[in-house]
Amino acid sequence: MRHNQILWPLVVVQRDEDNRLSHCAIRWAATPPLTPLTAIPRPSGHAVHLILSGPSIADIDYEKISIESAMGVNGSIALLEKFPRLEFSYYAMLDAGFVCRRKELVAEVLARNLLLFVTPEVLRWITLLFPAQAIRCRIAVFEEVHHRANLARPSPAQLLNDLQNDPDLILFDAHNSEHAHGFSLDVTRGVFGGGTVAYTALQFLTWLGFQEIYLHGLDLRNANNLPRFYEDPNARLSTALERQFAGHIEPAFRRASLLLQSRGVKVYNLPPDSALDTEIFQKIHWTQLCKTEDTDVVS
């Protein structure tokens, strides 16, 4: 139950007959209205852009790219200062530390007309730190399969027993030292952690029905030395990307890429120096997305 110490005693959850998270509220505070995951329209769109926070984002001219649907995470919203015409339809936050330390960026997200996916812990901090009138976005709460709110963490044996041959919660490896590896095709039942919010966002975009996903800023290289695109080098938030990359992040993306290929979902990785090699996701340069460019895919 250790993962629940960050929720108790403020966070109260309700579950439906299938044990899915159906409601979440914060005690002694005015919880903002929530959008149930089961009520979210799933557009089955063709292409979507997942805009992350790696330093390579600074090399992209978003005035030259036509983007119909985009999801941001954490500090992606900072791009709007330079590219105000860029719009996010979806957003994801699962790092409570970011919410507490980057309130100005979180406030920008909350003020937008978008759908924000958050964990119960993130909802707690949004509720406590921001007045109700500052929240104009829609908020949907999700949880991780191995860290369910107010429930005990399942053992590897229990996960194997519960998820064997499950068509929606695809278990890759139950015995990983920190987190089980897997991929959720039904986020209403939970998502699998992958060591980075990008992995969580990928599960949401797949569930929403997008068939082409473009990954912006998924650098995952030299993260301890290079700041995120929106950060001051002297005021950076810490990261565990390099520590978790070999044993957790890379294997999760590698297995997910095979699953997505089998389902006909195409994923393209834009950073030319991304730590994920081309065997995982095909790499293309951002200029190949320009309205006037028509170049070949990088092999």
C-alpha atoms as a PDB file:
ATOM      1  CA  MET A   1       0.000   0.000   0.000  1.00  0.00           C
ATOM      2  CA  ARG A   2       3.037   2.282   0.147  1.00  0.00           C
ATOM      3  CA  HIS A   3       2.158   4.159  -3.064  1.00  0.00           C
ATOM      4  CA  ASN A   4      -1.047   5.376  -1.378  1.00  0.00           C
ATOM      5  CA  GLN A   5       0.755   7.459   1.220  1.00  0.00           C
ATOM      6  CA  ILE A   6       0.800  10.316  -1.300  1.00  0.00           C
ATOM      7  CA  LEU A   7      -3.012  10.133  -1.547  1.00  0.00           C
ATOM      8  CA  TRP A   8      -4.128   9.517   2.031  1.00  0.00           C
ATOM      9  CA  PRO A   9      -6.150  11.072   3.604  1.00  0.00           C
ATOM     10  CA  LEU A  10      -7.094  13.709   1.003  1.00  0.00           C
ATOM     11  CA  VAL A  11      -7.984  11.634  -2.069  1.00  0.00           C
ATOM     12  CA  VAL A  12     -11.211   9.634  -2.183  1.00  0.00           C
ATOM     13  CA  VAL A  13     -12.020   7.393  -5.148  1.00  0.00           C
ATOM     14  CA  GLN A  14     -15.011   5.386  -6.296  1.00  0.00           C
ATOM     15  CA  ARG A  15     -15.007   2.334  -8.564  1.00  0.00           C
ATOM     16  CA  ASP A  16     -17.609   0.763 -10.797  1.00  0.00           C
ATOM     17  CA  GLU A  17     -18.646  -2.888 -10.887  1.00  0.00           C
ATOM     18  CA  ASP A  18     -15.656  -3.670 -13.121  1.00  0.00           C
ATOM     19  CA  ASN A  19     -13.224  -2.041 -10.636  1.00  0.00           C
ATOM     20  CA  ARG A  20     -12.560   0.885 -12.962  1.00  0.00           C
ATOM     21  CA  LEU A  21     -11.907   4.291 -11.453  1.00  0.00           C
ATOM     22  CA  SER A  22     -15.275   6.056 -11.819  1.00  0.00           C
ATOM     23  CA  HIS A  23     -14.860   9.125  -9.612  1.00  0.00           C
ATOM     24  CA  CYS A  24     -12.193  10.981  -7.684  1.00  0.00           C
ATOM     25  CA  ALA A  25     -12.616  13.748  -5.117  1.00  0.00           C
ATOM     26  CA  ILE A  26     -10.418  15.757  -2.764  1.00  0.00           C
ATOM     27  CA  ARG A  27     -11.552  16.003   0.857  1.00  0.00           C
ATOM     28  CA  TRP A  28     -11.971  19.475   2.334  1.00  0.00           C
ATOM     29  CA  ALA A  29     -11.567  21.146  -1.063  1.00  0.00           C
ATOM     30  CA  ALA A  30     -13.744  22.004  -4.031  1.00  0.00           C
ATOM     31  CA  THR A  31     -12.842  19.316  -6.578  1.00  0.00           C
ATOM     32  CA  PRO A  32     -13.204  20.630 -10.152  1.00  0.00           C
ATOM     33  CA  PRO A  33     -15.788  18.922 -12.397  1.00  0.00           C
ATOM     34  CA  LEU A  34     -14.364  15.763 -13.947  1.00  0.00           C
ATOM     35  CA  THR A  35     -14.961  14.117 -17.314  1.00  0.00           C
ATOM     36  CA  PRO A  36     -15.293  10.320 -16.989  1.00  0.00           C
ATOM     37  CA  LEU A  37     -12.926   8.438 -19.267  1.00  0.00           C
ATOM     38  CA  THR A  38     -15.868   6.390 -20.481  1.00  0.00           C
ATOM     39  CA  ALA A  39     -17.572   9.596 -21.709  1.00  0.00           C
ATOM     40  CA  ILE A  40     -14.672  10.886 -23.804  1.00  0.00           C
ATOM     41  CA  PRO A  41     -15.312  10.941 -27.580  1.00  0.00           C
ATOM     42  CA  ARG A  42     -12.782   8.839 -29.451  1.00  0.00           C
ATOM     43  CA  PRO A  43     -12.376  10.479 -32.832  1.00  0.00           C
ATOM     44  CA  SER A  44     -10.417   7.712 -34.583  1.00  0.00           C
ATOM     45  CA  GLY A  45      -8.431  10.469 -36.226  1.00  0.00           C
ATOM     46  CA  HIS A  46      -5.773   9.799 -38.802  1.00  0.00           C
ATOM     47  CA  ALA A  47      -2.735  11.658 -37.448  1.00  0.00           C
ATOM     48  CA  VAL A  48      -1.756  13.245 -34.142  1.00  0.00           C
ATOM     49  CA  HIS A  49       1.392  14.937 -32.855  1.00  0.00           C
ATOM     50  CA  LEU A  50       2.692  14.160 -29.370  1.00  0.00           C
ATOM     51  CA  ILE A  51       4.742  17.194 -28.367  1.00  0.00           C
ATOM     52  CA  LEU A  52       7.126  16.457 -25.502  1.00  0.00           C
ATOM     53  CA  SER A  53       9.830  18.499 -23.782  1.00  0.00           C
ATOM     54  CA  GLY A  54      13.217  17.381 -25.106  1.00  0.00           C
ATOM     55  CA  PRO A  55      15.733  20.027 -26.207  1.00  0.00           C
ATOM     56  CA  SER A  56      15.239  19.136 -29.903  1.00  0.00           C
ATOM     57  CA  ILE A  57      11.863  20.897 -29.725  1.00  0.00           C
ATOM     58  CA  ALA A  58      13.767  24.193 -29.895  1.00  0.00           C
ATOM     59  CA  ASP A  59      14.942  23.282 -33.433  1.00  0.00           C
ATOM     60  CA  ILE A  60      11.419  22.953 -34.862  1.00  0.00           C
ATOM     61  CA  ASP A  61       9.637  25.827 -36.576  1.00  0.00           C
ATOM     62  CA  TYR A  62       5.985  25.149 -35.807  1.00  0.00           C
ATOM     63  CA  GLU A  63       4.868  27.917 -38.143  1.00  0.00           C
ATOM     64  CA  LYS A  64       5.871  25.642 -41.028  1.00  0.00           C
ATOM     65  CA  ILE A  65       4.037  22.512 -39.860  1.00  0.00           C
ATOM     66  CA  SER A  66       0.336  21.828 -40.334  1.00  0.00           C
ATOM     67  CA  ILE A  67      -0.959  20.168 -37.157  1.00  0.00           C
ATOM     68  CA  GLU A  68      -4.636  19.285 -36.809  1.00  0.00           C
ATOM     69  CA  SER A  69      -4.463  17.315 -33.549  1.00  0.00           C
ATOM     70  CA  ALA A  70      -1.810  17.545 -30.841  1.00  0.00           C
ATOM     71  CA  MET A  71      -1.223  16.322 -27.315  1.00  0.00           C
ATOM     72  CA  GLY A  72       1.147  18.089 -24.941  1.00  0.00           C
ATOM     73  CA  VAL A  73       2.700  17.016 -21.660  1.00  0.00           C
ATOM     74  CA  ASN A  74       4.010  18.956 -18.680  1.00  0.00           C
ATOM     75  CA  GLY A  75       5.857  22.006 -20.075  1.00  0.00           C
ATOM     76  CA  SER A  76       4.882  21.660 -23.741  1.00  0.00           C
ATOM     77  CA  ILE A  77       2.517  24.590 -23.280  1.00  0.00           C
ATOM     78  CA  ALA A  78       5.552  26.912 -23.202  1.00  0.00           C
ATOM     79  CA  LEU A  79       5.691  26.572 -27.004  1.00  0.00           C
ATOM     80  CA  LEU A  80       2.654  28.840 -27.290  1.00  0.00           C
ATOM     81  CA  GLU A  81       4.725  31.845 -26.258  1.00  0.00           C
ATOM     82  CA  LYS A  82       6.640  31.542 -29.526  1.00  0.00           C
ATOM     83  CA  PHE A  83       3.974  29.804 -31.632  1.00  0.00           C
ATOM     84  CA  PRO A  84       0.587  31.127 -30.422  1.00  0.00           C
ATOM     85  CA  ARG A  85      -1.325  29.477 -33.285  1.00  0.00           C
ATOM     86  CA  LEU A  86      -0.341  26.002 -32.095  1.00  0.00           C
ATOM     87  CA  GLU A  87      -3.287  24.318 -30.360  1.00  0.00           C
ATOM     88  CA  PHE A  88      -3.408  21.339 -28.021  1.00  0.00           C
ATOM     89  CA  SER A  89      -6.538  19.195 -28.023  1.00  0.00           C
ATOM     90  CA  TYR A  90      -5.177  16.861 -25.346  1.00  0.00           C
ATOM     91  CA  TYR A  91      -2.709  17.132 -22.487  1.00  0.00           C
ATOM     92  CA  ALA A  92      -1.263  14.735 -19.906  1.00  0.00           C
ATOM     93  CA  MET A  93       0.361  15.265 -16.505  1.00  0.00           C
ATOM     94  CA  LEU A  94       1.423  12.584 -14.054  1.00  0.00           C
ATOM     95  CA  ASP A  95       4.296  14.330 -12.265  1.00  0.00           C
ATOM     96  CA  ALA A  96       3.053  16.068  -9.120  1.00  0.00           C
ATOM     97  CA  GLY A  97       6.473  17.655  -8.690  1.00  0.00           C
ATOM     98  CA  PHE A  98       6.006  19.495 -11.970  1.00  0.00           C
ATOM     99  CA  VAL A  99       2.612  20.819 -10.844  1.00  0.00           C
ATOM    100  CA  CYS A 100       4.089  22.145  -7.604  1.00  0.00           C
ATOM    101  CA  ARG A 101       7.254  23.675  -9.091  1.00  0.00           C
ATOM    102  CA  ARG A 102       5.980  24.978 -12.449  1.00  0.00           C
ATOM    103  CA  LYS A 103       2.712  26.550 -11.416  1.00  0.00           C
ATOM    104  CA  GLU A 104       2.890  29.216 -14.122  1.00  0.00           C
ATOM    105  CA  LEU A 105       2.977  26.584 -16.869  1.00  0.00           C
ATOM    106  CA  VAL A 106       0.261  24.499 -15.241  1.00  0.00           C
ATOM    107  CA  ALA A 107      -1.918  27.614 -15.026  1.00  0.00           C
ATOM    108  CA  GLU A 108      -1.535  28.071 -18.799  1.00  0.00           C
ATOM    109  CA  VAL A 109      -2.733  24.504 -19.400  1.00  0.00           C
ATOM    110  CA  LEU A 110      -5.693  24.848 -17.035  1.00  0.00           C
ATOM    111  CA  ALA A 111      -6.832  28.015 -18.810  1.00  0.00           C
ATOM    112  CA  ARG A 112      -7.050  26.317 -22.238  1.00  0.00           C
ATOM    113  CA  ASN A 113      -9.919  24.597 -24.025  1.00  0.00           C
ATOM    114  CA  LEU A 114      -8.428  21.096 -23.965  1.00  0.00           C
ATOM    115  CA  LEU A 115      -8.813  17.713 -22.306  1.00  0.00           C
ATOM    116  CA  LEU A 116      -6.287  17.150 -19.512  1.00  0.00           C
ATOM    117  CA  PHE A 117      -5.488  13.605 -18.335  1.00  0.00           C
ATOM    118  CA  VAL A 118      -4.172  13.487 -14.744  1.00  0.00           C
ATOM    119  CA  THR A 119      -3.475  10.984 -11.980  1.00  0.00           C
ATOM    120  CA  PRO A 120      -5.311  11.275  -8.644  1.00  0.00           C
ATOM    121  CA  GLU A 121      -2.153  12.752  -7.099  1.00  0.00           C
ATOM    122  CA  VAL A 122      -1.917  15.452  -9.762  1.00  0.00           C
ATOM    123  CA  LEU A 123      -5.624  16.222  -9.321  1.00  0.00           C
ATOM    124  CA  ARG A 124      -4.971  16.667  -5.616  1.00  0.00           C
ATOM    125  CA  TRP A 125      -2.324  19.313  -6.205  1.00  0.00           C
ATOM    126  CA  ILE A 126      -4.302  21.115  -8.919  1.00  0.00           C
ATOM    127  CA  THR A 127      -7.265  21.324  -6.563  1.00  0.00           C
ATOM    128  CA  LEU A 128      -5.170  22.617  -3.672  1.00  0.00           C
ATOM    129  CA  LEU A 129      -3.034  25.089  -5.650  1.00  0.00           C
ATOM    130  CA  PHE A 130      -5.472  26.634  -8.151  1.00  0.00           C
ATOM    131  CA  PRO A 131      -8.823  28.355  -7.627  1.00  0.00           C
ATOM    132  CA  ALA A 132     -11.846  26.889  -9.373  1.00  0.00           C
ATOM    133  CA  GLN A 133     -12.230  29.931 -11.633  1.00  0.00           C
ATOM    134  CA  ALA A 134      -8.734  29.323 -13.055  1.00  0.00           C
ATOM    135  CA  ILE A 135      -9.707  25.876 -14.395  1.00  0.00           C
ATOM    136  CA  ARG A 136     -11.319  26.105 -17.826  1.00  0.00           C
ATOM    137  CA  CYS A 137     -10.067  22.840 -19.315  1.00  0.00           C
ATOM    138  CA  ARG A 138     -11.814  19.504 -18.971  1.00  0.00           C
ATOM    139  CA  ILE A 139     -10.108  17.053 -16.623  1.00  0.00           C
ATOM    140  CA  ALA A 140     -10.149  13.245 -16.745  1.00  0.00           C
ATOM    141  CA  VAL A 141      -8.519  11.093 -14.060  1.00  0.00           C
ATOM    142  CA  PHE A 142      -6.656   7.864 -14.788  1.00  0.00           C
ATOM    143  CA  GLU A 143      -4.514   5.449 -12.792  1.00  0.00           C
ATOM    144  CA  GLU A 144      -1.626   3.079 -13.393  1.00  0.00           C
ATOM    145  CA  VAL A 145      -2.277  -0.659 -13.426  1.00  0.00           C
ATOM    146  CA  HIS A 146       0.352  -1.421 -10.789  1.00  0.00           C
ATOM    147  CA  HIS A 147      -0.363   1.663  -8.614  1.00  0.00           C
ATOM    148  CA  ARG A 148      -4.138   1.747  -8.262  1.00  0.00           C
ATOM    149  CA  ALA A 149      -5.534   4.386  -5.932  1.00  0.00           C
ATOM    150  CA  ASN A 150      -6.319   3.080  -2.430  1.00  0.00           C
ATOM    151  CA  LEU A 151      -5.616  -0.513  -3.445  1.00  0.00           C
ATOM    152  CA  ALA A 152      -2.599  -2.696  -2.747  1.00  0.00           C
ATOM    153  CA  ARG A 153       0.112  -3.026  -5.381  1.00  0.00           C
ATOM    154  CA  PRO A 154      -0.301  -6.379  -7.129  1.00  0.00           C
ATOM    155  CA  SER A 155       2.520  -8.894  -7.046  1.00  0.00           C
ATOM    156  CA  PRO A 156       4.022 -10.152 -10.313  1.00  0.00           C
ATOM    157  CA  ALA A 157       2.218 -13.466  -9.792  1.00  0.00           C
ATOM    158  CA  GLN A 158      -1.095 -11.675  -9.301  1.00  0.00           C
ATOM    159  CA  LEU A 159      -0.569  -9.569 -12.435  1.00  0.00           C
ATOM    160  CA  LEU A 160       0.211 -12.692 -14.443  1.00  0.00           C
ATOM    161  CA  ASN A 161      -2.910 -14.367 -13.152  1.00  0.00           C
ATOM    162  CA  ASP A 162      -5.177 -11.350 -13.665  1.00  0.00           C
ATOM    163  CA  LEU A 163      -3.920 -10.237 -17.076  1.00  0.00           C
ATOM    164  CA  GLN A 164      -3.104 -13.500 -18.796  1.00  0.00           C
ATOM    165  CA  ASN A 165      -4.646 -13.343 -22.282  1.00  0.00           C
ATOM    166  CA  ASP A 166      -6.313 -10.004 -21.465  1.00  0.00           C
ATOM    167  CA  PRO A 167      -7.210  -8.346 -24.794  1.00  0.00           C
ATOM    168  CA  ASP A 168      -6.931  -4.783 -23.455  1.00  0.00           C
ATOM    169  CA  LEU A 169      -4.219  -4.711 -20.786  1.00  0.00           C
ATOM    170  CA  ILE A 170      -1.291  -6.302 -22.625  1.00  0.00           C
ATOM    171  CA  LEU A 171       1.288  -7.492 -20.103  1.00  0.00           C
ATOM    172  CA  PHE A 172       4.845  -7.705 -21.444  1.00  0.00           C
ATOM    173  CA  ASP A 173       6.816  -8.420 -18.265  1.00  0.00           C
ATOM    174  CA  ALA A 174       5.377  -8.693 -14.750  1.00  0.00           C
ATOM    175  CA  HIS A 175       8.755  -9.178 -13.078  1.00  0.00           C
ATOM    176  CA  ASN A 176      10.487  -5.899 -13.875  1.00  0.00           C
ATOM    177  CA  SER A 177      12.254  -4.648 -10.744  1.00  0.00           C
ATOM    178  CA  GLU A 178      10.300  -1.368 -10.427  1.00  0.00           C
ATOM    179  CA  HIS A 179       7.256  -1.458 -12.701  1.00  0.00           C
ATOM    180  CA  ALA A 180       5.489  -4.082 -14.738  1.00  0.00           C
ATOM    181  CA  HIS A 181       5.938  -3.615 -18.482  1.00  0.00           C
ATOM    182  CA  GLY A 182       2.838  -3.547 -20.600  1.00  0.00           C
ATOM    183  CA  PHE A 183       0.575  -1.466 -22.816  1.00  0.00           C
ATOM    184  CA  SER A 184      -3.045  -0.496 -22.276  1.00  0.00           C
ATOM    185  CA  LEU A 185      -5.501  -0.529 -25.153  1.00  0.00           C
ATOM    186  CA  ASP A 186      -8.288   0.539 -22.785  1.00  0.00           C
ATOM    187  CA  VAL A 187      -7.155   3.385 -20.536  1.00  0.00           C
ATOM    188  CA  THR A 188     -10.462   3.313 -18.635  1.00  0.00           C
ATOM    189  CA  ARG A 189      -8.993   0.211 -16.962  1.00  0.00           C
ATOM    190  CA  GLY A 190      -5.622   1.835 -16.303  1.00  0.00           C
ATOM    191  CA  VAL A 191      -2.314   2.430 -18.047  1.00  0.00           C
ATOM    192  CA  PHE A 192       1.170   0.980 -17.681  1.00  0.00           C
ATOM    193  CA  GLY A 193       4.029   3.190 -16.569  1.00  0.00           C
ATOM    194  CA  GLY A 194       7.003   3.430 -18.877  1.00  0.00           C
ATOM    195  CA  GLY A 195       9.381   5.680 -16.967  1.00  0.00           C
ATOM    196  CA  THR A 196       8.265   8.770 -18.903  1.00  0.00           C
ATOM    197  CA  VAL A 197       4.994  10.603 -19.494  1.00  0.00           C
ATOM    198  CA  ALA A 198       5.563  10.024 -23.212  1.00  0.00           C
ATOM    199  CA  TYR A 199       4.795   6.324 -22.759  1.00  0.00           C
ATOM    200  CA  THR A 200       1.575   7.091 -20.920  1.00  0.00           C
ATOM    201  CA  ALA A 201       0.550   9.589 -23.605  1.00  0.00           C
ATOM    202  CA  LEU A 202       1.212   7.018 -26.320  1.00  0.00           C
ATOM    203  CA  GLN A 203      -1.337   4.707 -24.702  1.00  0.00           C
ATOM    204  CA  PHE A 204      -3.938   7.480 -24.608  1.00  0.00           C
ATOM    205  CA  LEU A 205      -3.438   8.385 -28.264  1.00  0.00           C
ATOM    206  CA  THR A 206      -3.694   4.744 -29.324  1.00  0.00           C
ATOM    207  CA  TRP A 207      -6.880   4.320 -27.289  1.00  0.00           C
ATOM    208  CA  LEU A 208      -8.323   7.485 -28.850  1.00  0.00           C
ATOM    209  CA  GLY A 209      -7.956   5.816 -32.239  1.00  0.00           C
ATOM    210  CA  PHE A 210      -5.156   7.703 -33.984  1.00  0.00           C
ATOM    211  CA  GLN A 211      -3.406   5.686 -36.692  1.00  0.00           C
ATOM    212  CA  GLU A 212      -0.345   7.922 -37.212  1.00  0.00           C
ATOM    213  CA  ILE A 213       1.543   9.322 -34.238  1.00  0.00           C
ATOM    214  CA  TYR A 214       4.440  11.778 -34.544  1.00  0.00           C
ATOM    215  CA  LEU A 215       6.739  12.032 -31.538  1.00  0.00           C
ATOM    216  CA  HIS A 216       8.307  15.473 -31.007  1.00  0.00           C
ATOM    217  CA  GLY A 217      11.069  15.986 -28.448  1.00  0.00           C
ATOM    218  CA  LEU A 218      11.476  12.353 -27.359  1.00  0.00           C
ATOM    219  CA  ASP A 219      15.234  12.819 -27.077  1.00  0.00           C
ATOM    220  CA  LEU A 220      15.898  10.639 -23.982  1.00  0.00           C
ATOM    221  CA  ARG A 221      19.624  11.334 -24.346  1.00  0.00           C
ATOM    222  CA  ASN A 222      21.971  13.251 -22.032  1.00  0.00           C
ATOM    223  CA  ALA A 223      18.935  14.308 -19.998  1.00  0.00           C
ATOM    224  CA  ASN A 224      21.042  14.990 -16.905  1.00  0.00           C
ATOM    225  CA  ASN A 225      23.039  17.671 -18.727  1.00  0.00           C
ATOM    226  CA  LEU A 226      20.722  19.156 -21.346  1.00  0.00           C
ATOM    227  CA  PRO A 227      17.714  21.173 -20.120  1.00  0.00           C
ATOM    228  CA  ARG A 228      14.215  20.707 -21.450  1.00  0.00           C
ATOM    229  CA  PHE A 229      13.406  23.102 -24.275  1.00  0.00           C
ATOM    230  CA  TYR A 230      11.569  25.513 -21.957  1.00  0.00           C
ATOM    231  CA  GLU A 231      13.991  25.417 -19.018  1.00  0.00           C
ATOM    232  CA  ASP A 232      16.621  27.826 -17.826  1.00  0.00           C
ATOM    233  CA  PRO A 233      19.845  25.767 -17.547  1.00  0.00           C
ATOM    234  CA  ASN A 234      20.323  27.164 -14.034  1.00  0.00           C
ATOM    235  CA  ALA A 235      16.794  26.311 -12.857  1.00  0.00           C
ATOM    236  CA  ARG A 236      16.108  22.798 -14.060  1.00  0.00           C
ATOM    237  CA  LEU A 237      13.938  20.108 -12.554  1.00  0.00           C
ATOM    238  CA  SER A 238      15.660  16.786 -11.918  1.00  0.00           C
ATOM    239  CA  THR A 239      15.014  13.755 -14.109  1.00  0.00           C
ATOM    240  CA  ALA A 240      15.379   9.978 -13.803  1.00  0.00           C
ATOM    241  CA  LEU A 241      15.372   9.358 -17.561  1.00  0.00           C
ATOM    242  CA  GLU A 242      19.003   8.271 -17.844  1.00  0.00           C
ATOM    243  CA  ARG A 243      18.827   6.056 -14.769  1.00  0.00           C
ATOM    244  CA  GLN A 244      15.692   4.285 -15.973  1.00  0.00           C
ATOM    245  CA  PHE A 245      16.388   4.213 -19.695  1.00  0.00           C
ATOM    246  CA  ALA A 246      18.167   0.862 -20.165  1.00  0.00           C
ATOM    247  CA  GLY A 247      16.106  -1.240 -17.750  1.00  0.00           C
ATOM    248  CA  HIS A 248      12.693   0.342 -18.014  1.00  0.00           C
ATOM    249  CA  ILE A 249      12.089   2.988 -20.688  1.00  0.00           C
ATOM    250  CA  GLU A 250      13.777   1.421 -23.699  1.00  0.00           C
ATOM    251  CA  PRO A 251      12.359  -2.104 -23.171  1.00  0.00           C
ATOM    252  CA  ALA A 252       8.838  -0.706 -22.722  1.00  0.00           C
ATOM    253  CA  PHE A 253       8.961   1.296 -25.954  1.00  0.00           C
ATOM    254  CA  ARG A 254      10.544  -1.615 -27.825  1.00  0.00           C
ATOM    255  CA  ARG A 255       7.757  -4.024 -26.904  1.00  0.00           C
ATOM    256  CA  ALA A 256       5.082  -1.368 -27.472  1.00  0.00           C
ATOM    257  CA  SER A 257       6.396  -0.681 -30.969  1.00  0.00           C
ATOM    258  CA  LEU A 258       5.858  -4.321 -31.962  1.00  0.00           C
ATOM    259  CA  LEU A 259       2.323  -4.265 -30.568  1.00  0.00           C
ATOM    260  CA  LEU A 260       1.466  -1.037 -32.388  1.00  0.00           C
ATOM    261  CA  GLN A 261       2.909  -2.347 -35.658  1.00  0.00           C
ATOM    262  CA  SER A 262       0.710  -5.440 -35.367  1.00  0.00           C
ATOM    263  CA  ARG A 263      -2.319  -3.155 -34.984  1.00  0.00           C
ATOM    264  CA  GLY A 264      -1.422  -0.981 -37.969  1.00  0.00           C
ATOM    265  CA  VAL A 265      -0.513   2.090 -35.904  1.00  0.00           C
ATOM    266  CA  LYS A 266       2.416   3.993 -37.423  1.00  0.00           C
ATOM    267  CA  VAL A 267       4.699   5.882 -35.053  1.00  0.00           C
ATOM    268  CA  TYR A 268       7.372   8.298 -36.279  1.00  0.00           C
ATOM    269  CA  ASN A 269      10.117   9.717 -34.064  1.00  0.00           C
ATOM    270  CA  LEU A 270      11.317  13.224 -34.985  1.00  0.00           C
ATOM    271  CA  PRO A 271      14.497  13.871 -32.899  1.00  0.00           C
ATOM    272  CA  PRO A 272      17.444  12.872 -35.124  1.00  0.00           C
ATOM    273  CA  ASP A 273      19.536  11.991 -32.063  1.00  0.00           C
ATOM    274  CA  SER A 274      16.820  10.233 -30.064  1.00  0.00           C
ATOM    275  CA  ALA A 275      18.106   7.451 -27.832  1.00  0.00           C
ATOM    276  CA  LEU A 276      15.386   5.179 -29.254  1.00  0.00           C
ATOM    277  CA  ASP A 277      16.871   3.586 -32.355  1.00  0.00           C
ATOM    278  CA  THR A 278      15.120   3.142 -35.682  1.00  0.00           C
ATOM    279  CA  GLU A 279      14.268  -0.491 -34.903  1.00  0.00           C
ATOM    280  CA  ILE A 280      11.776   0.865 -32.350  1.00  0.00           C
ATOM    281  CA  PHE A 281      10.258   3.817 -34.203  1.00  0.00           C
ATOM    282  CA  GLN A 282      11.076   5.013 -37.705  1.00  0.00           C
ATOM    283  CA  LYS A 283      12.850   8.360 -37.656  1.00  0.00           C
ATOM    284  CA  ILE A 284      11.940  11.300 -39.826  1.00  0.00           C
ATOM    285  CA  HIS A 285      13.155  14.897 -39.754  1.00  0.00           C
ATOM    286  CA  TRP A 286      10.631  17.555 -38.773  1.00  0.00           C
ATOM    287  CA  THR A 287      11.095  19.312 -42.118  1.00  0.00           C
ATOM    288  CA  GLN A 288       9.380  16.342 -43.758  1.00  0.00           C
ATOM    289  CA  LEU A 289       6.186  17.584 -42.117  1.00  0.00           C
ATOM    290  CA  CYS A 290       6.445  21.052 -43.610  1.00  0.00           C
ATOM    291  CA  LYS A 291       3.643  22.201 -45.867  1.00  0.00           C
ATOM    292  CA  THR A 292       6.012  22.719 -48.823  1.00  0.00           C
ATOM    293  CA  GLU A 293       8.437  19.865 -48.180  1.00  0.00           C
ATOM    294  CA  ASP A 294       8.249  16.415 -49.749  1.00  0.00           C
ATOM    295  CA  THR A 295      11.366  14.491 -48.823  1.00  0.00           C
ATOM    296  CA  ASP A 296      12.080  10.835 -48.180  1.00  0.00           C
ATOM    297  CA  VAL A 297      11.829   9.195 -44.765  1.00  0.00           C
ATOM    298  CA  VAL A 298      15.146   8.839 -42.958  1.00  0.00           C
ATOM    299  CA  SER A 299      16.183   5.224 -42.792  1.00  0.00           C
END
